Amino acid sequence: MAEFEEHVRRALDALPPDLAEGLRNVAVVVEDENPEDPGLLGLFEETPYLPAKVTVYRRPLEEDFGDEPKLLEHEIRITVLHELAHYFGIDEGRLDELGYS
């Protein structure tokens, strides 16, 4: 789990400074899996008056990409960027166009 969290941390550290500065009141967390959708890779949640939350789900990412460490790290990065894009108001259609689906 520590190695997985390090991949998430590296994805966040690699954000361009202007993008990173735009992240206010958002938490990025790692959980094993989503109980309602065990195959889900990540989730963005925003509740009024609470911090926004990006969850990266370890188990499905490791199951799908864990045999290739570089691919796993790449997919974690894509998942982090995908979910953070929702924080900035980018919808699924635009993310598909940009290759972050």
N, C-alpha and C. Protein backbone atom coordinates (compact mmCIF):
# COMPACT_ATOMS: atom_id res chain seq x y z
N MET A 1 0.83 -1.20 0.00
CA MET A 1 0.00 0.00 0.00
C MET A 1 0.86 1.26 0.00
N ALA A 2 1.98 1.25 0.70
CA ALA A 2 2.84 2.42 0.77
C ALA A 2 3.37 2.79 -0.61
N GLU A 3 3.72 1.79 -1.41
CA GLU A 3 4.22 2.05 -2.77
C GLU A 3 3.12 2.67 -3.63
N PHE A 4 1.90 2.17 -3.50
CA PHE A 4 0.77 2.71 -4.24
C PHE A 4 0.55 4.17 -3.88
N GLU A 5 0.56 4.46 -2.58
CA GLU A 5 0.38 5.84 -2.12
C GLU A 5 1.51 6.74 -2.62
N GLU A 6 2.70 6.19 -2.75
CA GLU A 6 3.82 6.97 -3.28
C GLU A 6 3.57 7.33 -4.75
N HIS A 7 2.98 6.41 -5.52
CA HIS A 7 2.61 6.72 -6.90
C HIS A 7 1.61 7.88 -6.95
N VAL A 8 0.63 7.86 -6.05
CA VAL A 8 -0.36 8.94 -5.99
C VAL A 8 0.35 10.25 -5.63
N ARG A 9 1.23 10.20 -4.66
CA ARG A 9 1.97 11.39 -4.23
C ARG A 9 2.80 11.96 -5.39
N ARG A 10 3.45 11.08 -6.15
CA ARG A 10 4.25 11.54 -7.30
C ARG A 10 3.36 12.19 -8.36
N ALA A 11 2.18 11.64 -8.58
CA ALA A 11 1.25 12.23 -9.54
C ALA A 11 0.86 13.65 -9.10
N LEU A 12 0.63 13.83 -7.81
CA LEU A 12 0.29 15.16 -7.30
C LEU A 12 1.48 16.10 -7.36
N ASP A 13 2.66 15.60 -7.03
CA ASP A 13 3.87 16.43 -7.07
C ASP A 13 4.21 16.88 -8.48
N ALA A 14 3.79 16.12 -9.49
CA ALA A 14 4.10 16.43 -10.88
C ALA A 14 3.13 17.44 -11.50
N LEU A 15 2.11 17.85 -10.75
CA LEU A 15 1.17 18.83 -11.29
C LEU A 15 1.90 20.14 -11.58
N PRO A 16 1.57 20.79 -12.68
CA PRO A 16 2.15 22.11 -12.93
C PRO A 16 1.82 23.06 -11.77
N PRO A 17 2.74 23.93 -11.40
CA PRO A 17 2.52 24.80 -10.23
C PRO A 17 1.22 25.60 -10.28
N ASP A 18 0.86 26.14 -11.46
CA ASP A 18 -0.37 26.94 -11.52
C ASP A 18 -1.61 26.09 -11.29
N LEU A 19 -1.57 24.83 -11.72
CA LEU A 19 -2.68 23.91 -11.47
C LEU A 19 -2.73 23.52 -9.99
N ALA A 20 -1.58 23.19 -9.43
CA ALA A 20 -1.51 22.81 -8.02
C ALA A 20 -2.00 23.95 -7.12
N GLU A 21 -1.65 25.19 -7.49
CA GLU A 21 -2.09 26.34 -6.69
C GLU A 21 -3.60 26.52 -6.74
N GLY A 22 -4.23 26.03 -7.81
CA GLY A 22 -5.68 26.15 -7.95
C GLY A 22 -6.46 25.15 -7.11
N LEU A 23 -5.76 24.18 -6.54
CA LEU A 23 -6.43 23.18 -5.69
C LEU A 23 -6.60 23.75 -4.29
N ARG A 24 -7.79 24.06 -3.96
CA ARG A 24 -8.10 24.61 -2.64
C ARG A 24 -9.18 23.74 -1.99
N ASN A 25 -8.93 23.34 -0.79
CA ASN A 25 -9.95 22.62 -0.04
C ASN A 25 -10.35 21.31 -0.72
N VAL A 26 -9.35 20.54 -1.14
CA VAL A 26 -9.60 19.24 -1.75
C VAL A 26 -8.65 18.22 -1.12
N ALA A 27 -9.19 17.09 -0.75
CA ALA A 27 -8.39 16.00 -0.17
C ALA A 27 -8.27 14.88 -1.20
N VAL A 28 -7.08 14.31 -1.29
CA VAL A 28 -6.85 13.16 -2.16
C VAL A 28 -6.52 11.98 -1.24
N VAL A 29 -7.33 10.93 -1.33
CA VAL A 29 -7.16 9.78 -0.45
C VAL A 29 -7.10 8.49 -1.27
N VAL A 30 -6.52 7.47 -0.66
CA VAL A 30 -6.46 6.13 -1.26
C VAL A 30 -7.32 5.21 -0.43
N GLU A 31 -8.19 4.47 -1.08
CA GLU A 31 -8.99 3.43 -0.42
C GLU A 31 -8.85 2.15 -1.23
N ASP A 32 -9.17 1.01 -0.60
CA ASP A 32 -9.04 -0.27 -1.28
C ASP A 32 -9.94 -0.37 -2.50
N GLU A 33 -11.25 -0.14 -2.32
CA GLU A 33 -12.19 -0.19 -3.43
C GLU A 33 -13.48 0.50 -3.04
N ASN A 34 -14.28 0.84 -4.03
CA ASN A 34 -15.56 1.45 -3.80
C ASN A 34 -16.56 0.33 -3.53
N PRO A 35 -17.23 0.33 -2.36
CA PRO A 35 -18.14 -0.77 -2.03
C PRO A 35 -19.34 -0.87 -2.98
N GLU A 36 -19.75 0.24 -3.57
CA GLU A 36 -20.90 0.23 -4.48
C GLU A 36 -20.51 -0.14 -5.90
N ASP A 37 -19.23 0.07 -6.25
CA ASP A 37 -18.75 -0.22 -7.61
C ASP A 37 -17.29 -0.66 -7.50
N PRO A 38 -17.04 -1.93 -7.19
CA PRO A 38 -15.68 -2.41 -6.93
C PRO A 38 -14.70 -2.25 -8.08
N GLY A 39 -15.17 -2.04 -9.30
CA GLY A 39 -14.28 -1.85 -10.43
C GLY A 39 -13.90 -0.40 -10.69
N LEU A 40 -14.47 0.52 -9.92
CA LEU A 40 -14.21 1.94 -10.11
C LEU A 40 -12.77 2.28 -9.73
N LEU A 41 -12.09 3.05 -10.60
CA LEU A 41 -10.69 3.40 -10.36
C LEU A 41 -10.54 4.64 -9.49
N GLY A 42 -11.45 5.60 -9.64
CA GLY A 42 -11.36 6.83 -8.87
C GLY A 42 -12.71 7.50 -8.81
N LEU A 43 -12.83 8.46 -7.88
CA LEU A 43 -14.10 9.14 -7.69
C LEU A 43 -13.85 10.55 -7.17
N PHE A 44 -14.57 11.51 -7.75
CA PHE A 44 -14.55 12.89 -7.26
C PHE A 44 -15.88 13.15 -6.58
N GLU A 45 -15.82 13.69 -5.36
CA GLU A 45 -17.05 14.02 -4.63
C GLU A 45 -16.93 15.44 -4.10
N GLU A 46 -18.03 16.18 -4.23
CA GLU A 46 -18.06 17.54 -3.72
C GLU A 46 -19.38 17.75 -3.00
N THR A 47 -19.28 18.06 -1.74
CA THR A 47 -20.45 18.29 -0.89
C THR A 47 -20.40 19.73 -0.41
N PRO A 48 -21.50 20.46 -0.51
CA PRO A 48 -21.48 21.85 -0.04
C PRO A 48 -20.96 21.96 1.40
N TYR A 49 -20.13 22.95 1.63
CA TYR A 49 -19.58 23.30 2.94
C TYR A 49 -18.55 22.31 3.48
N LEU A 50 -18.16 21.34 2.66
CA LEU A 50 -17.12 20.38 3.06
C LEU A 50 -16.03 20.39 2.00
N PRO A 51 -14.84 19.94 2.38
CA PRO A 51 -13.78 19.85 1.35
C PRO A 51 -14.18 18.87 0.25
N ALA A 52 -13.74 19.17 -0.96
CA ALA A 52 -13.93 18.21 -2.06
C ALA A 52 -13.02 17.03 -1.77
N LYS A 53 -13.36 15.88 -2.36
CA LYS A 53 -12.59 14.67 -2.09
C LYS A 53 -12.37 13.89 -3.39
N VAL A 54 -11.11 13.54 -3.62
CA VAL A 54 -10.74 12.65 -4.71
C VAL A 54 -10.29 11.35 -4.07
N THR A 55 -10.92 10.26 -4.44
CA THR A 55 -10.54 8.94 -3.94
C THR A 55 -9.96 8.14 -5.08
N VAL A 56 -8.79 7.55 -4.84
CA VAL A 56 -8.14 6.66 -5.79
C VAL A 56 -8.26 5.25 -5.21
N TYR A 57 -8.82 4.33 -5.99
CA TYR A 57 -9.08 2.98 -5.49
C TYR A 57 -7.95 2.03 -5.89
N ARG A 58 -7.24 1.55 -4.90
CA ARG A 58 -6.05 0.74 -5.07
C ARG A 58 -6.33 -0.61 -5.73
N ARG A 59 -7.26 -1.37 -5.19
CA ARG A 59 -7.46 -2.75 -5.64
C ARG A 59 -7.76 -2.87 -7.15
N PRO A 60 -8.72 -2.13 -7.71
CA PRO A 60 -8.97 -2.31 -9.14
C PRO A 60 -7.80 -1.86 -10.01
N LEU A 61 -7.09 -0.83 -9.60
CA LEU A 61 -5.92 -0.40 -10.37
C LEU A 61 -4.83 -1.47 -10.34
N GLU A 62 -4.57 -2.03 -9.17
CA GLU A 62 -3.56 -3.08 -9.07
C GLU A 62 -3.98 -4.34 -9.81
N GLU A 63 -5.27 -4.68 -9.75
CA GLU A 63 -5.74 -5.87 -10.46
C GLU A 63 -5.63 -5.71 -11.97
N ASP A 64 -5.93 -4.51 -12.47
CA ASP A 64 -5.91 -4.28 -13.92
C ASP A 64 -4.52 -4.01 -14.47
N PHE A 65 -3.65 -3.37 -13.68
CA PHE A 65 -2.37 -2.90 -14.22
C PHE A 65 -1.16 -3.29 -13.38
N GLY A 66 -1.36 -4.05 -12.30
CA GLY A 66 -0.30 -4.34 -11.35
C GLY A 66 0.82 -5.23 -11.87
N ASP A 67 0.59 -5.93 -12.98
CA ASP A 67 1.64 -6.79 -13.52
C ASP A 67 2.75 -6.00 -14.19
N GLU A 68 2.47 -4.76 -14.51
CA GLU A 68 3.46 -3.89 -15.17
C GLU A 68 3.61 -2.62 -14.35
N PRO A 69 4.67 -2.51 -13.54
CA PRO A 69 4.83 -1.36 -12.64
C PRO A 69 4.75 0.00 -13.32
N LYS A 70 5.35 0.16 -14.48
CA LYS A 70 5.30 1.45 -15.17
C LYS A 70 3.89 1.78 -15.64
N LEU A 71 3.18 0.76 -16.12
CA LEU A 71 1.80 0.97 -16.55
C LEU A 71 0.91 1.31 -15.35
N LEU A 72 1.13 0.63 -14.24
CA LEU A 72 0.36 0.92 -13.03
C LEU A 72 0.57 2.38 -12.61
N GLU A 73 1.82 2.81 -12.57
CA GLU A 73 2.10 4.20 -12.19
C GLU A 73 1.43 5.17 -13.17
N HIS A 74 1.48 4.86 -14.45
CA HIS A 74 0.84 5.70 -15.46
C HIS A 74 -0.68 5.78 -15.24
N GLU A 75 -1.31 4.64 -14.98
CA GLU A 75 -2.76 4.62 -14.79
C GLU A 75 -3.18 5.31 -13.49
N ILE A 76 -2.35 5.23 -12.47
CA ILE A 76 -2.63 5.98 -11.24
C ILE A 76 -2.60 7.47 -11.55
N ARG A 77 -1.59 7.89 -12.29
CA ARG A 77 -1.47 9.30 -12.67
C ARG A 77 -2.69 9.75 -13.48
N ILE A 78 -3.10 8.94 -14.45
CA ILE A 78 -4.27 9.27 -15.26
C ILE A 78 -5.52 9.38 -14.38
N THR A 79 -5.66 8.46 -13.44
CA THR A 79 -6.82 8.47 -12.54
C THR A 79 -6.82 9.73 -11.68
N VAL A 80 -5.67 10.09 -11.11
CA VAL A 80 -5.58 11.30 -10.30
C VAL A 80 -5.94 12.53 -11.14
N LEU A 81 -5.35 12.64 -12.33
CA LEU A 81 -5.63 13.79 -13.19
C LEU A 81 -7.09 13.84 -13.62
N HIS A 82 -7.65 12.67 -13.93
CA HIS A 82 -9.06 12.59 -14.33
C HIS A 82 -9.96 13.13 -13.23
N GLU A 83 -9.75 12.67 -12.01
CA GLU A 83 -10.62 13.08 -10.92
C GLU A 83 -10.39 14.55 -10.53
N LEU A 84 -9.15 15.02 -10.58
CA LEU A 84 -8.89 16.43 -10.29
C LEU A 84 -9.50 17.33 -11.35
N ALA A 85 -9.57 16.85 -12.58
CA ALA A 85 -10.20 17.63 -13.64
C ALA A 85 -11.65 17.93 -13.31
N HIS A 86 -12.34 16.98 -12.68
CA HIS A 86 -13.72 17.22 -12.26
C HIS A 86 -13.78 18.37 -11.25
N TYR A 87 -12.78 18.48 -10.40
CA TYR A 87 -12.71 19.57 -9.43
C TYR A 87 -12.73 20.92 -10.15
N PHE A 88 -12.09 20.97 -11.32
CA PHE A 88 -12.03 22.20 -12.10
C PHE A 88 -13.19 22.33 -13.08
N GLY A 89 -14.17 21.42 -12.98
CA GLY A 89 -15.38 21.54 -13.77
C GLY A 89 -15.33 20.89 -15.14
N ILE A 90 -14.33 20.07 -15.40
CA ILE A 90 -14.23 19.40 -16.69
C ILE A 90 -15.08 18.13 -16.65
N ASP A 91 -15.98 18.00 -17.61
CA ASP A 91 -16.91 16.85 -17.60
C ASP A 91 -16.32 15.64 -18.34
N GLU A 92 -17.03 14.53 -18.25
CA GLU A 92 -16.56 13.27 -18.84
C GLU A 92 -16.34 13.38 -20.34
N GLY A 93 -17.22 14.06 -21.04
CA GLY A 93 -17.07 14.20 -22.49
C GLY A 93 -15.77 14.88 -22.86
N ARG A 94 -15.45 15.96 -22.18
CA ARG A 94 -14.19 16.67 -22.47
C ARG A 94 -12.99 15.83 -22.07
N LEU A 95 -13.09 15.10 -20.97
CA LEU A 95 -11.99 14.23 -20.56
C LEU A 95 -11.74 13.13 -21.59
N ASP A 96 -12.81 12.60 -22.17
CA ASP A 96 -12.67 11.62 -23.25
C ASP A 96 -11.92 12.22 -24.43
N GLU A 97 -12.29 13.45 -24.79
CA GLU A 97 -11.63 14.14 -25.91
C GLU A 97 -10.13 14.33 -25.62
N LEU A 98 -9.79 14.58 -24.37
CA LEU A 98 -8.41 14.83 -23.99
C LEU A 98 -7.61 13.54 -23.74
N GLY A 99 -8.31 12.40 -23.77
CA GLY A 99 -7.62 11.11 -23.56
C GLY A 99 -7.48 10.72 -22.11
N TYR A 100 -8.31 11.28 -21.23
CA TYR A 100 -8.25 10.96 -19.81
C TYR A 100 -9.48 10.18 -19.35
N SER A 101 -9.92 9.25 -20.18
CA SER A 101 -11.09 8.45 -19.80
C SER A 101 -10.69 7.13 -19.22
